[in-house]
Amino acid sequence: MFVVAHGFTGDVDRPHLRRIAEALARHGAVVTFSFRGHGASGGRSTVGDREVLDLAAAVAWARDLGHARVATVGFSMGGSVVLRHAALHRGVDAVVSVSSPARWYYRGTAPMRRLHWLVTRPEGRVVGRYGFRTRIHHRDWNPVPLSPVEAVPRIAPAPLLVVHGDSDGYFPVDHPRMLAEAAGDHGELWLEPGMGHAEHATGEDLLRRIGDWVTARAG
């Protein structure tokens, strides 16, 4: 069973998320959902903080459906959420994090500077609501949540796969390398040549390989 966690401004009805779900469904059952504040989902986005609770609910639902083995697969913001969920809530059998940041407040690329404007400025949140169907909470994090790189060592013994493109325009390759180093022996890093960022850049061959990896480790 795969539980898929989408990226910021995504939602369950986006074509790229449906494509990913269809590809993973060749390897097992799939649960998809929209994080709070995204698409038709209620509430407001906290940009990865309380979204851990949304993922925990989706994983619990997968268990309630009778699936004994559950793997989480997250992209970008969802990639950070699957790391923190596995560290804080535990109970998943494998974790795949695609295009995740390693640390918070990164502004080293133009896309991330635009994202921070979207999240932190009132006019940016208006653009998020009407341009991206994403309602963003106005409050700052308090307290600041556990960072992805701090979460990774707590995931063991569940196996972890970190996937990142070497042409990612949001987070350069020091982010996945930090995550892989923090994972140690229970983690694996795939640095994909020519790959960009998150769902849009995740091709069919990569999805097949991710499905095979999860199947081999989580049944």
N, C-alpha and C. Protein backbone atom coordinates (compact mmCIF):
# COMPACT_ATOMS: atom_id res chain seq x y z
N MET A 1 0.84 -1.19 0.00
CA MET A 1 0.00 0.00 0.00
C MET A 1 0.88 1.25 0.00
N PHE A 2 0.57 2.18 -0.91
CA PHE A 2 1.27 3.45 -1.00
C PHE A 2 0.33 4.57 -0.53
N VAL A 3 0.81 5.44 0.32
CA VAL A 3 0.10 6.67 0.67
C VAL A 3 0.93 7.82 0.10
N VAL A 4 0.34 8.59 -0.80
CA VAL A 4 1.06 9.61 -1.57
C VAL A 4 0.79 10.99 -0.98
N ALA A 5 1.87 11.73 -0.69
CA ALA A 5 1.78 13.07 -0.12
C ALA A 5 2.27 14.08 -1.16
N HIS A 6 1.37 14.93 -1.62
CA HIS A 6 1.71 15.85 -2.71
C HIS A 6 2.52 17.06 -2.23
N GLY A 7 2.99 17.84 -3.18
CA GLY A 7 3.76 19.03 -2.87
C GLY A 7 2.88 20.24 -2.62
N PHE A 8 3.51 21.34 -2.20
CA PHE A 8 2.81 22.60 -1.93
C PHE A 8 2.14 23.10 -3.21
N THR A 9 0.90 23.54 -3.07
CA THR A 9 -0.02 23.99 -4.13
C THR A 9 -0.56 22.84 -4.99
N GLY A 10 -0.24 21.60 -4.65
CA GLY A 10 -0.85 20.47 -5.34
C GLY A 10 -2.16 20.09 -4.68
N ASP A 11 -2.84 19.12 -5.24
CA ASP A 11 -4.00 18.53 -4.58
C ASP A 11 -4.36 17.25 -5.32
N VAL A 12 -5.30 16.50 -4.76
CA VAL A 12 -5.61 15.17 -5.24
C VAL A 12 -6.17 15.17 -6.66
N ASP A 13 -6.72 16.30 -7.09
CA ASP A 13 -7.33 16.36 -8.42
C ASP A 13 -6.37 16.80 -9.52
N ARG A 14 -5.14 17.11 -9.19
CA ARG A 14 -4.18 17.54 -10.21
C ARG A 14 -3.79 16.37 -11.11
N PRO A 15 -3.67 16.61 -12.41
CA PRO A 15 -3.33 15.50 -13.32
C PRO A 15 -2.02 14.81 -12.98
N HIS A 16 -1.01 15.57 -12.53
CA HIS A 16 0.27 14.92 -12.24
C HIS A 16 0.18 14.00 -11.04
N LEU A 17 -0.70 14.32 -10.07
CA LEU A 17 -0.85 13.42 -8.94
C LEU A 17 -1.62 12.17 -9.35
N ARG A 18 -2.62 12.32 -10.20
CA ARG A 18 -3.34 11.15 -10.70
C ARG A 18 -2.40 10.24 -11.50
N ARG A 19 -1.51 10.84 -12.27
CA ARG A 19 -0.54 10.06 -13.05
C ARG A 19 0.36 9.24 -12.13
N ILE A 20 0.82 9.87 -11.06
CA ILE A 20 1.69 9.18 -10.11
C ILE A 20 0.93 8.04 -9.43
N ALA A 21 -0.30 8.30 -9.03
CA ALA A 21 -1.10 7.26 -8.38
C ALA A 21 -1.33 6.08 -9.32
N GLU A 22 -1.60 6.37 -10.58
CA GLU A 22 -1.83 5.29 -11.55
C GLU A 22 -0.57 4.46 -11.75
N ALA A 23 0.59 5.11 -11.77
CA ALA A 23 1.84 4.37 -11.95
C ALA A 23 2.13 3.48 -10.74
N LEU A 24 1.95 4.02 -9.54
CA LEU A 24 2.22 3.23 -8.34
C LEU A 24 1.19 2.12 -8.15
N ALA A 25 -0.01 2.31 -8.69
CA ALA A 25 -1.06 1.29 -8.56
C ALA A 25 -0.68 -0.01 -9.27
N ARG A 26 0.30 0.04 -10.16
CA ARG A 26 0.78 -1.19 -10.79
C ARG A 26 1.54 -2.06 -9.79
N HIS A 27 1.91 -1.47 -8.66
CA HIS A 27 2.69 -2.19 -7.65
C HIS A 27 1.89 -2.50 -6.39
N GLY A 28 0.72 -1.87 -6.23
CA GLY A 28 -0.07 -2.09 -5.04
C GLY A 28 -1.17 -1.06 -4.92
N ALA A 29 -1.96 -1.17 -3.86
CA ALA A 29 -3.03 -0.21 -3.62
C ALA A 29 -2.44 1.17 -3.31
N VAL A 30 -3.20 2.21 -3.62
CA VAL A 30 -2.73 3.59 -3.45
C VAL A 30 -3.81 4.41 -2.76
N VAL A 31 -3.40 5.20 -1.77
CA VAL A 31 -4.26 6.21 -1.15
C VAL A 31 -3.70 7.58 -1.49
N THR A 32 -4.53 8.45 -2.04
CA THR A 32 -4.15 9.85 -2.26
C THR A 32 -5.11 10.74 -1.48
N PHE A 33 -4.68 11.94 -1.17
CA PHE A 33 -5.50 12.89 -0.42
C PHE A 33 -4.95 14.28 -0.66
N SER A 34 -5.71 15.29 -0.28
CA SER A 34 -5.25 16.67 -0.35
C SER A 34 -4.91 17.16 1.06
N PHE A 35 -3.73 17.75 1.21
CA PHE A 35 -3.39 18.37 2.49
C PHE A 35 -4.35 19.52 2.80
N ARG A 36 -4.44 19.87 4.07
CA ARG A 36 -5.28 20.98 4.51
C ARG A 36 -4.98 22.25 3.70
N GLY A 37 -6.05 22.95 3.32
CA GLY A 37 -5.89 24.20 2.60
C GLY A 37 -5.62 24.07 1.13
N HIS A 38 -5.53 22.85 0.62
CA HIS A 38 -5.21 22.60 -0.78
C HIS A 38 -6.44 22.08 -1.53
N GLY A 39 -6.74 22.68 -2.67
CA GLY A 39 -7.85 22.22 -3.48
C GLY A 39 -9.16 22.29 -2.71
N ALA A 40 -9.89 21.19 -2.68
CA ALA A 40 -11.18 21.15 -2.00
C ALA A 40 -11.07 20.80 -0.53
N SER A 41 -9.85 20.60 -0.02
CA SER A 41 -9.68 20.24 1.38
C SER A 41 -9.88 21.47 2.26
N GLY A 42 -10.46 21.28 3.44
CA GLY A 42 -10.72 22.40 4.34
C GLY A 42 -9.48 22.88 5.05
N GLY A 43 -9.65 23.94 5.83
CA GLY A 43 -8.57 24.47 6.62
C GLY A 43 -7.61 25.32 5.82
N ARG A 44 -6.44 25.59 6.43
CA ARG A 44 -5.41 26.40 5.79
C ARG A 44 -4.06 25.70 5.90
N SER A 45 -3.27 25.84 4.87
CA SER A 45 -1.96 25.20 4.84
C SER A 45 -1.02 25.81 5.86
N THR A 46 -0.28 24.95 6.55
CA THR A 46 0.80 25.40 7.42
C THR A 46 2.16 25.08 6.80
N VAL A 47 2.16 24.80 5.51
CA VAL A 47 3.37 24.63 4.70
C VAL A 47 4.29 23.55 5.28
N GLY A 48 3.68 22.43 5.71
CA GLY A 48 4.46 21.27 6.12
C GLY A 48 4.46 20.97 7.59
N ASP A 49 3.96 21.87 8.42
CA ASP A 49 3.97 21.66 9.87
C ASP A 49 2.86 20.70 10.29
N ARG A 50 1.62 21.18 10.38
CA ARG A 50 0.52 20.33 10.83
C ARG A 50 0.06 19.34 9.77
N GLU A 51 0.60 19.47 8.58
CA GLU A 51 0.30 18.49 7.53
C GLU A 51 0.72 17.08 7.94
N VAL A 52 1.64 16.97 8.89
CA VAL A 52 2.01 15.65 9.42
C VAL A 52 0.77 14.94 9.97
N LEU A 53 -0.14 15.69 10.57
CA LEU A 53 -1.36 15.10 11.11
C LEU A 53 -2.27 14.61 9.99
N ASP A 54 -2.30 15.34 8.87
CA ASP A 54 -3.09 14.90 7.72
C ASP A 54 -2.57 13.56 7.20
N LEU A 55 -1.25 13.45 7.10
CA LEU A 55 -0.66 12.20 6.62
C LEU A 55 -0.92 11.08 7.62
N ALA A 56 -0.83 11.38 8.90
CA ALA A 56 -1.10 10.35 9.91
C ALA A 56 -2.52 9.81 9.77
N ALA A 57 -3.47 10.70 9.48
CA ALA A 57 -4.86 10.26 9.28
C ALA A 57 -4.99 9.38 8.05
N ALA A 58 -4.27 9.73 6.97
CA ALA A 58 -4.33 8.92 5.75
C ALA A 58 -3.72 7.55 5.97
N VAL A 59 -2.60 7.50 6.70
CA VAL A 59 -1.97 6.21 7.00
C VAL A 59 -2.89 5.36 7.89
N ALA A 60 -3.52 5.99 8.88
CA ALA A 60 -4.46 5.25 9.74
C ALA A 60 -5.62 4.70 8.93
N TRP A 61 -6.10 5.49 7.96
CA TRP A 61 -7.20 5.01 7.12
C TRP A 61 -6.76 3.81 6.29
N ALA A 62 -5.52 3.87 5.76
CA ALA A 62 -5.00 2.73 5.01
C ALA A 62 -4.94 1.48 5.88
N ARG A 63 -4.54 1.64 7.13
CA ARG A 63 -4.53 0.49 8.06
C ARG A 63 -5.95 -0.01 8.29
N ASP A 64 -6.89 0.92 8.45
CA ASP A 64 -8.29 0.53 8.69
C ASP A 64 -8.87 -0.24 7.51
N LEU A 65 -8.35 0.03 6.31
CA LEU A 65 -8.80 -0.69 5.13
C LEU A 65 -8.24 -2.12 5.09
N GLY A 66 -7.35 -2.42 6.02
CA GLY A 66 -6.82 -3.78 6.12
C GLY A 66 -5.43 -3.98 5.57
N HIS A 67 -4.74 -2.91 5.22
CA HIS A 67 -3.41 -3.04 4.65
C HIS A 67 -2.38 -3.15 5.78
N ALA A 68 -1.70 -4.27 5.82
CA ALA A 68 -0.73 -4.52 6.88
C ALA A 68 0.59 -3.81 6.65
N ARG A 69 0.93 -3.56 5.39
CA ARG A 69 2.20 -2.92 5.04
C ARG A 69 1.91 -1.61 4.32
N VAL A 70 2.44 -0.51 4.85
CA VAL A 70 2.16 0.81 4.30
C VAL A 70 3.47 1.56 4.09
N ALA A 71 3.63 2.11 2.89
CA ALA A 71 4.77 2.97 2.57
C ALA A 71 4.25 4.36 2.24
N THR A 72 4.97 5.38 2.68
CA THR A 72 4.62 6.75 2.33
C THR A 72 5.57 7.25 1.25
N VAL A 73 5.00 7.98 0.28
CA VAL A 73 5.78 8.55 -0.83
C VAL A 73 5.41 10.03 -0.92
N GLY A 74 6.37 10.92 -0.66
CA GLY A 74 6.08 12.34 -0.63
C GLY A 74 6.94 13.13 -1.59
N PHE A 75 6.39 14.25 -2.05
CA PHE A 75 7.05 15.10 -3.04
C PHE A 75 7.17 16.52 -2.52
N SER A 76 8.39 17.07 -2.54
CA SER A 76 8.67 18.45 -2.14
C SER A 76 8.17 18.68 -0.71
N MET A 77 7.18 19.56 -0.49
CA MET A 77 6.64 19.71 0.86
C MET A 77 6.20 18.36 1.41
N GLY A 78 5.51 17.57 0.58
CA GLY A 78 5.11 16.23 1.00
C GLY A 78 6.29 15.34 1.32
N GLY A 79 7.42 15.58 0.64
CA GLY A 79 8.64 14.83 0.94
C GLY A 79 9.15 15.13 2.33
N SER A 80 9.05 16.40 2.76
CA SER A 80 9.45 16.73 4.12
C SER A 80 8.45 16.18 5.13
N VAL A 81 7.17 16.15 4.75
CA VAL A 81 6.14 15.65 5.65
C VAL A 81 6.31 14.16 5.91
N VAL A 82 6.62 13.36 4.88
CA VAL A 82 6.77 11.93 5.11
C VAL A 82 7.96 11.64 6.03
N LEU A 83 9.01 12.47 5.94
CA LEU A 83 10.16 12.29 6.83
C LEU A 83 9.78 12.58 8.27
N ARG A 84 9.10 13.69 8.49
CA ARG A 84 8.74 14.06 9.86
C ARG A 84 7.66 13.13 10.42
N HIS A 85 6.73 12.69 9.56
CA HIS A 85 5.71 11.74 10.02
C HIS A 85 6.35 10.44 10.49
N ALA A 86 7.29 9.92 9.69
CA ALA A 86 7.92 8.65 10.06
C ALA A 86 8.74 8.78 11.34
N ALA A 87 9.28 9.96 11.59
CA ALA A 87 10.06 10.18 12.81
C ALA A 87 9.18 10.37 14.03
N LEU A 88 8.07 11.08 13.87
CA LEU A 88 7.24 11.47 15.01
C LEU A 88 6.13 10.48 15.32
N HIS A 89 5.58 9.86 14.28
CA HIS A 89 4.45 8.95 14.47
C HIS A 89 4.83 7.48 14.27
N ARG A 90 5.86 7.27 13.51
CA ARG A 90 6.38 5.94 13.24
C ARG A 90 5.26 5.04 12.68
N GLY A 91 5.54 3.75 12.58
CA GLY A 91 4.49 2.83 12.16
C GLY A 91 4.37 2.61 10.67
N VAL A 92 5.22 3.24 9.83
CA VAL A 92 5.19 2.92 8.40
C VAL A 92 6.34 1.96 8.10
N ASP A 93 6.19 1.25 6.99
CA ASP A 93 7.14 0.18 6.67
C ASP A 93 8.24 0.61 5.70
N ALA A 94 8.06 1.72 5.01
CA ALA A 94 9.08 2.27 4.14
C ALA A 94 8.70 3.72 3.84
N VAL A 95 9.72 4.54 3.55
CA VAL A 95 9.51 5.96 3.31
C VAL A 95 10.28 6.35 2.05
N VAL A 96 9.60 7.07 1.15
CA VAL A 96 10.25 7.61 -0.05
C VAL A 96 10.01 9.11 -0.06
N SER A 97 11.10 9.87 -0.07
CA SER A 97 11.03 11.33 -0.06
C SER A 97 11.67 11.86 -1.34
N VAL A 98 10.86 12.54 -2.16
CA VAL A 98 11.30 13.03 -3.46
C VAL A 98 11.35 14.56 -3.42
N SER A 99 12.51 15.12 -3.76
CA SER A 99 12.68 16.58 -3.90
C SER A 99 12.42 17.33 -2.61
N SER A 100 12.75 16.74 -1.48
CA SER A 100 12.50 17.39 -0.19
C SER A 100 13.62 18.36 0.16
N PRO A 101 13.27 19.45 0.87
CA PRO A 101 14.32 20.24 1.51
C PRO A 101 14.92 19.46 2.67
N ALA A 102 16.14 19.81 3.02
CA ALA A 102 16.75 19.25 4.22
C ALA A 102 16.58 20.17 5.42
N ARG A 103 16.48 21.47 5.17
CA ARG A 103 16.42 22.45 6.25
C ARG A 103 15.37 23.51 5.90
N TRP A 104 14.88 24.18 6.92
CA TRP A 104 13.84 25.19 6.75
C TRP A 104 14.41 26.54 6.33
N TYR A 105 13.53 27.38 5.82
CA TYR A 105 13.80 28.79 5.51
C TYR A 105 14.83 28.98 4.41
N TYR A 106 14.99 27.98 3.56
CA TYR A 106 15.98 28.09 2.48
C TYR A 106 15.49 29.09 1.44
N ARG A 107 16.33 30.05 1.09
CA ARG A 107 16.00 31.08 0.11
C ARG A 107 17.09 31.21 -0.96
N GLY A 108 17.85 30.19 -1.17
CA GLY A 108 19.01 30.28 -2.04
C GLY A 108 18.73 30.20 -3.53
N THR A 109 17.48 29.96 -3.92
CA THR A 109 17.12 29.91 -5.35
C THR A 109 15.94 30.85 -5.58
N ALA A 110 15.80 31.29 -6.82
CA ALA A 110 14.71 32.20 -7.16
C ALA A 110 13.33 31.59 -6.89
N PRO A 111 13.08 30.32 -7.25
CA PRO A 111 11.77 29.73 -6.93
C PRO A 111 11.45 29.74 -5.44
N MET A 112 12.46 29.51 -4.60
CA MET A 112 12.20 29.51 -3.16
C MET A 112 11.99 30.91 -2.63
N ARG A 113 12.61 31.91 -3.22
CA ARG A 113 12.33 33.29 -2.81
C ARG A 113 10.90 33.66 -3.19
N ARG A 114 10.44 33.21 -4.35
CA ARG A 114 9.05 33.46 -4.73
C ARG A 114 8.09 32.74 -3.80
N LEU A 115 8.43 31.52 -3.42
CA LEU A 115 7.57 30.76 -2.51
C LEU A 115 7.47 31.46 -1.16
N HIS A 116 8.59 31.97 -0.65
CA HIS A 116 8.53 32.67 0.63
C HIS A 116 7.66 33.93 0.54
N TRP A 117 7.71 34.62 -0.59
CA TRP A 117 6.81 35.77 -0.78
C TRP A 117 5.36 35.31 -0.74
N LEU A 118 5.06 34.21 -1.40
CA LEU A 118 3.71 33.68 -1.45
C LEU A 118 3.19 33.36 -0.05
N VAL A 119 4.04 32.81 0.78
CA VAL A 119 3.64 32.34 2.11
C VAL A 119 3.59 33.47 3.13
N THR A 120 4.54 34.40 3.06
CA THR A 120 4.71 35.36 4.16
C THR A 120 4.02 36.69 3.94
N ARG A 121 3.65 37.03 2.71
CA ARG A 121 3.06 38.33 2.44
C ARG A 121 1.55 38.21 2.21
N PRO A 122 0.76 39.15 2.73
CA PRO A 122 -0.70 39.08 2.51
C PRO A 122 -1.07 39.00 1.05
N GLU A 123 -0.39 39.80 0.20
CA GLU A 123 -0.72 39.75 -1.22
C GLU A 123 -0.30 38.41 -1.84
N GLY A 124 0.76 37.80 -1.30
CA GLY A 124 1.17 36.48 -1.76
C GLY A 124 0.13 35.43 -1.43
N ARG A 125 -0.45 35.53 -0.23
CA ARG A 125 -1.47 34.54 0.16
C ARG A 125 -2.74 34.69 -0.67
N VAL A 126 -3.02 35.91 -1.12
CA VAL A 126 -4.15 36.11 -2.04
C VAL A 126 -3.88 35.39 -3.36
N VAL A 127 -2.64 35.52 -3.86
CA VAL A 127 -2.27 34.81 -5.08
C VAL A 127 -2.37 33.30 -4.87
N GLY A 128 -1.93 32.84 -3.70
CA GLY A 128 -2.04 31.41 -3.40
C GLY A 128 -3.47 30.92 -3.42
N ARG A 129 -4.38 31.71 -2.83
CA ARG A 129 -5.79 31.30 -2.76
C ARG A 129 -6.43 31.24 -4.14
N TYR A 130 -6.26 32.31 -4.92
CA TYR A 130 -6.99 32.41 -6.17
C TYR A 130 -6.21 31.89 -7.38
N GLY A 131 -4.89 31.91 -7.28
CA GLY A 131 -4.09 31.44 -8.40
C GLY A 131 -3.72 29.97 -8.33
N PHE A 132 -3.58 29.45 -7.08
CA PHE A 132 -3.10 28.07 -6.91
C PHE A 132 -4.06 27.20 -6.10
N ARG A 133 -5.25 27.73 -5.78
CA ARG A 133 -6.23 26.97 -5.00
C ARG A 133 -5.64 26.48 -3.68
N THR A 134 -4.78 27.33 -3.07
CA THR A 134 -4.12 26.97 -1.82
C THR A 134 -4.32 28.08 -0.81
N ARG A 135 -5.00 27.77 0.29
CA ARG A 135 -5.25 28.74 1.34
C ARG A 135 -4.19 28.57 2.42
N ILE A 136 -3.41 29.63 2.64
CA ILE A 136 -2.21 29.56 3.47
C ILE A 136 -2.45 30.27 4.79
N HIS A 137 -2.10 29.62 5.88
CA HIS A 137 -2.27 30.22 7.20
C HIS A 137 -1.34 31.43 7.34
N HIS A 138 -1.85 32.47 8.00
CA HIS A 138 -1.07 33.70 8.13
C HIS A 138 -0.08 33.65 9.29
N ARG A 139 -0.24 32.72 10.22
CA ARG A 139 0.63 32.69 11.40
C ARG A 139 1.97 32.03 11.08
N ASP A 140 3.03 32.57 11.68
CA ASP A 140 4.35 31.94 11.59
C ASP A 140 4.37 30.66 12.41
N TRP A 141 5.30 29.78 12.10
CA TRP A 141 5.47 28.57 12.90
C TRP A 141 5.86 28.93 14.34
N ASN A 142 5.19 28.33 15.30
CA ASN A 142 5.54 28.54 16.70
C ASN A 142 5.01 27.35 17.51
N PRO A 143 5.90 26.44 17.89
CA PRO A 143 7.35 26.45 17.67
C PRO A 143 7.71 26.01 16.25
N VAL A 144 8.95 26.24 15.87
CA VAL A 144 9.44 25.77 14.58
C VAL A 144 9.49 24.24 14.61
N PRO A 145 8.88 23.57 13.63
CA PRO A 145 8.83 22.10 13.66
C PRO A 145 10.22 21.48 13.44
N LEU A 146 10.33 20.25 13.87
CA LEU A 146 11.52 19.45 13.62
C LEU A 146 11.87 19.50 12.14
N SER A 147 13.12 19.81 11.82
CA SER A 147 13.50 19.91 10.41
C SER A 147 13.63 18.52 9.79
N PRO A 148 13.55 18.43 8.45
CA PRO A 148 13.70 17.12 7.81
C PRO A 148 15.01 16.42 8.18
N VAL A 149 16.12 17.15 8.17
CA VAL A 149 17.41 16.50 8.44
C VAL A 149 17.50 16.03 9.89
N GLU A 150 16.81 16.73 10.80
CA GLU A 150 16.76 16.27 12.19
C GLU A 150 15.84 15.07 12.35
N ALA A 151 14.84 14.98 11.49
CA ALA A 151 13.88 13.87 11.58
C ALA A 151 14.47 12.56 11.09
N VAL A 152 15.32 12.63 10.07
CA VAL A 152 15.77 11.42 9.38
C VAL A 152 16.37 10.36 10.30
N PRO A 153 17.25 10.70 11.25
CA PRO A 153 17.83 9.64 12.09
C PRO A 153 16.80 8.90 12.93
N ARG A 154 15.63 9.49 13.13
CA ARG A 154 14.60 8.86 13.96
C ARG A 154 13.72 7.89 13.18
N ILE A 155 13.91 7.81 11.86
CA ILE A 155 13.06 6.96 11.04
C ILE A 155 13.42 5.49 11.17
N ALA A 156 14.70 5.18 11.39
CA ALA A 156 15.15 3.79 11.51
C ALA A 156 14.31 3.07 12.57
N PRO A 157 13.99 1.79 12.34
CA PRO A 157 14.56 0.89 11.32
C PRO A 157 13.83 0.87 9.99
N ALA A 158 12.81 1.71 9.80
CA ALA A 158 12.14 1.72 8.50
C ALA A 158 13.11 2.17 7.42
N PRO A 159 13.14 1.50 6.27
CA PRO A 159 14.05 1.90 5.20
C PRO A 159 13.60 3.22 4.57
N LEU A 160 14.57 4.02 4.16
CA LEU A 160 14.32 5.34 3.59
C LEU A 160 14.99 5.47 2.24
N LEU A 161 14.24 5.96 1.26
CA LEU A 161 14.79 6.29 -0.05
C LEU A 161 14.64 7.79 -0.27
N VAL A 162 15.77 8.46 -0.52
CA VAL A 162 15.78 9.89 -0.85
C VAL A 162 16.04 10.01 -2.35
N VAL A 163 15.12 10.67 -3.05
CA VAL A 163 15.23 10.85 -4.50
C VAL A 163 15.29 12.34 -4.79
N HIS A 164 16.24 12.73 -5.65
CA HIS A 164 16.40 14.16 -5.94
C HIS A 164 17.01 14.31 -7.32
N GLY A 165 16.58 15.35 -8.03
CA GLY A 165 17.14 15.63 -9.34
C GLY A 165 18.35 16.54 -9.25
N ASP A 166 19.36 16.27 -10.08
CA ASP A 166 20.53 17.14 -10.05
C ASP A 166 20.29 18.45 -10.80
N SER A 167 19.08 18.61 -11.39
CA SER A 167 18.69 19.87 -12.01
C SER A 167 17.49 20.50 -11.29
N ASP A 168 17.32 20.16 -10.03
CA ASP A 168 16.21 20.71 -9.24
C ASP A 168 16.41 22.22 -9.07
N GLY A 169 15.42 23.00 -9.50
CA GLY A 169 15.54 24.44 -9.42
C GLY A 169 15.20 25.03 -8.07
N TYR A 170 14.63 24.22 -7.17
CA TYR A 170 14.25 24.71 -5.84
C TYR A 170 15.32 24.42 -4.80
N PHE A 171 15.77 23.17 -4.73
CA PHE A 171 16.71 22.76 -3.70
C PHE A 171 17.92 22.10 -4.35
N PRO A 172 19.11 22.66 -4.22
CA PRO A 172 20.30 22.06 -4.83
C PRO A 172 20.68 20.76 -4.13
N VAL A 173 21.67 20.10 -4.69
CA VAL A 173 21.95 18.72 -4.28
C VAL A 173 22.55 18.60 -2.89
N ASP A 174 22.94 19.69 -2.25
CA ASP A 174 23.39 19.55 -0.87
C ASP A 174 22.25 19.14 0.05
N HIS A 175 21.00 19.44 -0.33
CA HIS A 175 19.85 19.02 0.49
C HIS A 175 19.71 17.49 0.54
N PRO A 176 19.61 16.80 -0.58
CA PRO A 176 19.50 15.34 -0.49
C PRO A 176 20.74 14.69 0.11
N ARG A 177 21.89 15.27 -0.13
CA ARG A 177 23.10 14.68 0.45
C ARG A 177 23.10 14.80 1.97
N MET A 178 22.59 15.92 2.48
CA MET A 178 22.46 16.06 3.94
C MET A 178 21.50 15.01 4.50
N LEU A 179 20.39 14.81 3.80
CA LEU A 179 19.41 13.82 4.26
C LEU A 179 20.01 12.42 4.25
N ALA A 180 20.70 12.07 3.17
CA ALA A 180 21.29 10.73 3.06
C ALA A 180 22.36 10.52 4.13
N GLU A 181 23.15 11.55 4.39
CA GLU A 181 24.18 11.41 5.42
C GLU A 181 23.54 11.20 6.79
N ALA A 182 22.45 11.94 7.06
CA ALA A 182 21.77 11.78 8.33
C ALA A 182 21.12 10.40 8.47
N ALA A 183 20.73 9.81 7.33
CA ALA A 183 20.08 8.50 7.37
C ALA A 183 21.05 7.37 7.68
N GLY A 184 22.30 7.53 7.27
CA GLY A 184 23.28 6.47 7.51
C GLY A 184 22.93 5.20 6.77
N ASP A 185 23.11 4.07 7.42
CA ASP A 185 22.95 2.77 6.75
C ASP A 185 21.51 2.44 6.40
N HIS A 186 20.53 3.08 7.04
CA HIS A 186 19.13 2.72 6.74
C HIS A 186 18.57 3.57 5.59
N GLY A 187 19.39 4.44 5.01
CA GLY A 187 18.93 5.28 3.92
C GLY A 187 19.64 5.00 2.61
N GLU A 188 19.00 5.39 1.53
CA GLU A 188 19.55 5.22 0.18
C GLU A 188 19.26 6.50 -0.60
N LEU A 189 20.23 6.97 -1.38
CA LEU A 189 20.08 8.20 -2.16
C LEU A 189 20.13 7.88 -3.64
N TRP A 190 19.11 8.34 -4.37
CA TRP A 190 19.12 8.31 -5.83
C TRP A 190 19.21 9.76 -6.31
N LEU A 191 20.34 10.15 -6.85
CA LEU A 191 20.50 11.47 -7.44
C LEU A 191 20.30 11.32 -8.94
N GLU A 192 19.16 11.80 -9.42
CA GLU A 192 18.71 11.52 -10.78
C GLU A 192 19.24 12.55 -11.79
N PRO A 193 20.02 12.10 -12.80
CA PRO A 193 20.58 13.03 -13.78
C PRO A 193 19.49 13.73 -14.60
N GLY A 194 19.58 15.05 -14.69
CA GLY A 194 18.67 15.82 -15.51
C GLY A 194 17.28 16.03 -14.95
N MET A 195 17.00 15.48 -13.79
CA MET A 195 15.66 15.60 -13.21
C MET A 195 15.48 16.96 -12.56
N GLY A 196 14.30 17.57 -12.74
CA GLY A 196 13.94 18.80 -12.08
C GLY A 196 13.29 18.54 -10.73
N HIS A 197 12.17 19.23 -10.47
CA HIS A 197 11.60 19.24 -9.13
C HIS A 197 10.27 18.50 -9.04
N ALA A 198 10.20 17.59 -8.11
CA ALA A 198 8.96 17.01 -7.57
C ALA A 198 8.10 16.29 -8.60
N GLU A 199 6.77 16.36 -8.45
CA GLU A 199 5.85 15.53 -9.23
C GLU A 199 6.01 15.72 -10.73
N HIS A 200 6.10 16.97 -11.16
CA HIS A 200 6.15 17.24 -12.60
C HIS A 200 7.38 16.62 -13.24
N ALA A 201 8.47 16.47 -12.47
CA ALA A 201 9.72 15.97 -13.02
C ALA A 201 9.89 14.47 -12.82
N THR A 202 8.94 13.82 -12.18
CA THR A 202 9.06 12.39 -11.87
C THR A 202 8.44 11.58 -13.01
N GLY A 203 9.31 10.97 -13.81
CA GLY A 203 8.85 10.24 -14.99
C GLY A 203 8.41 8.82 -14.69
N GLU A 204 7.90 8.17 -15.72
CA GLU A 204 7.35 6.82 -15.56
C GLU A 204 8.41 5.81 -15.14
N ASP A 205 9.61 5.92 -15.70
CA ASP A 205 10.66 4.97 -15.33
C ASP A 205 11.04 5.12 -13.86
N LEU A 206 11.15 6.35 -13.40
CA LEU A 206 11.47 6.57 -11.99
C LEU A 206 10.36 6.06 -11.10
N LEU A 207 9.12 6.28 -11.46
CA LEU A 207 8.01 5.76 -10.67
C LEU A 207 8.02 4.23 -10.62
N ARG A 208 8.37 3.61 -11.73
CA ARG A 208 8.48 2.15 -11.74
C ARG A 208 9.57 1.69 -10.78
N ARG A 209 10.71 2.37 -10.80
CA ARG A 209 11.81 1.98 -9.91
C ARG A 209 11.45 2.23 -8.45
N ILE A 210 10.74 3.32 -8.17
CA ILE A 210 10.29 3.57 -6.80
C ILE A 210 9.32 2.46 -6.37
N GLY A 211 8.39 2.11 -7.23
CA GLY A 211 7.47 1.03 -6.91
C GLY A 211 8.18 -0.28 -6.63
N ASP A 212 9.18 -0.60 -7.45
CA ASP A 212 9.95 -1.82 -7.23
C ASP A 212 10.71 -1.77 -5.90
N TRP A 213 11.28 -0.59 -5.59
CA TRP A 213 12.04 -0.45 -4.33
C TRP A 213 11.13 -0.68 -3.14
N VAL A 214 9.96 -0.05 -3.15
CA VAL A 214 9.03 -0.21 -2.03
C VAL A 214 8.56 -1.66 -1.92
N THR A 215 8.22 -2.27 -3.05
CA THR A 215 7.75 -3.65 -3.03
C THR A 215 8.80 -4.59 -2.43
N ALA A 216 10.06 -4.35 -2.76
CA ALA A 216 11.13 -5.21 -2.25
C ALA A 216 11.35 -5.05 -0.74
N ARG A 217 10.97 -3.89 -0.21
CA ARG A 217 11.24 -3.62 1.22
C ARG A 217 10.02 -3.65 2.11
N ALA A 218 8.87 -3.30 1.55
CA ALA A 218 7.66 -3.25 2.36
C ALA A 218 6.61 -4.26 1.93
N GLY A 219 6.97 -5.11 0.98
CA GLY A 219 6.02 -6.13 0.54
C GLY A 219 4.87 -5.54 -0.24
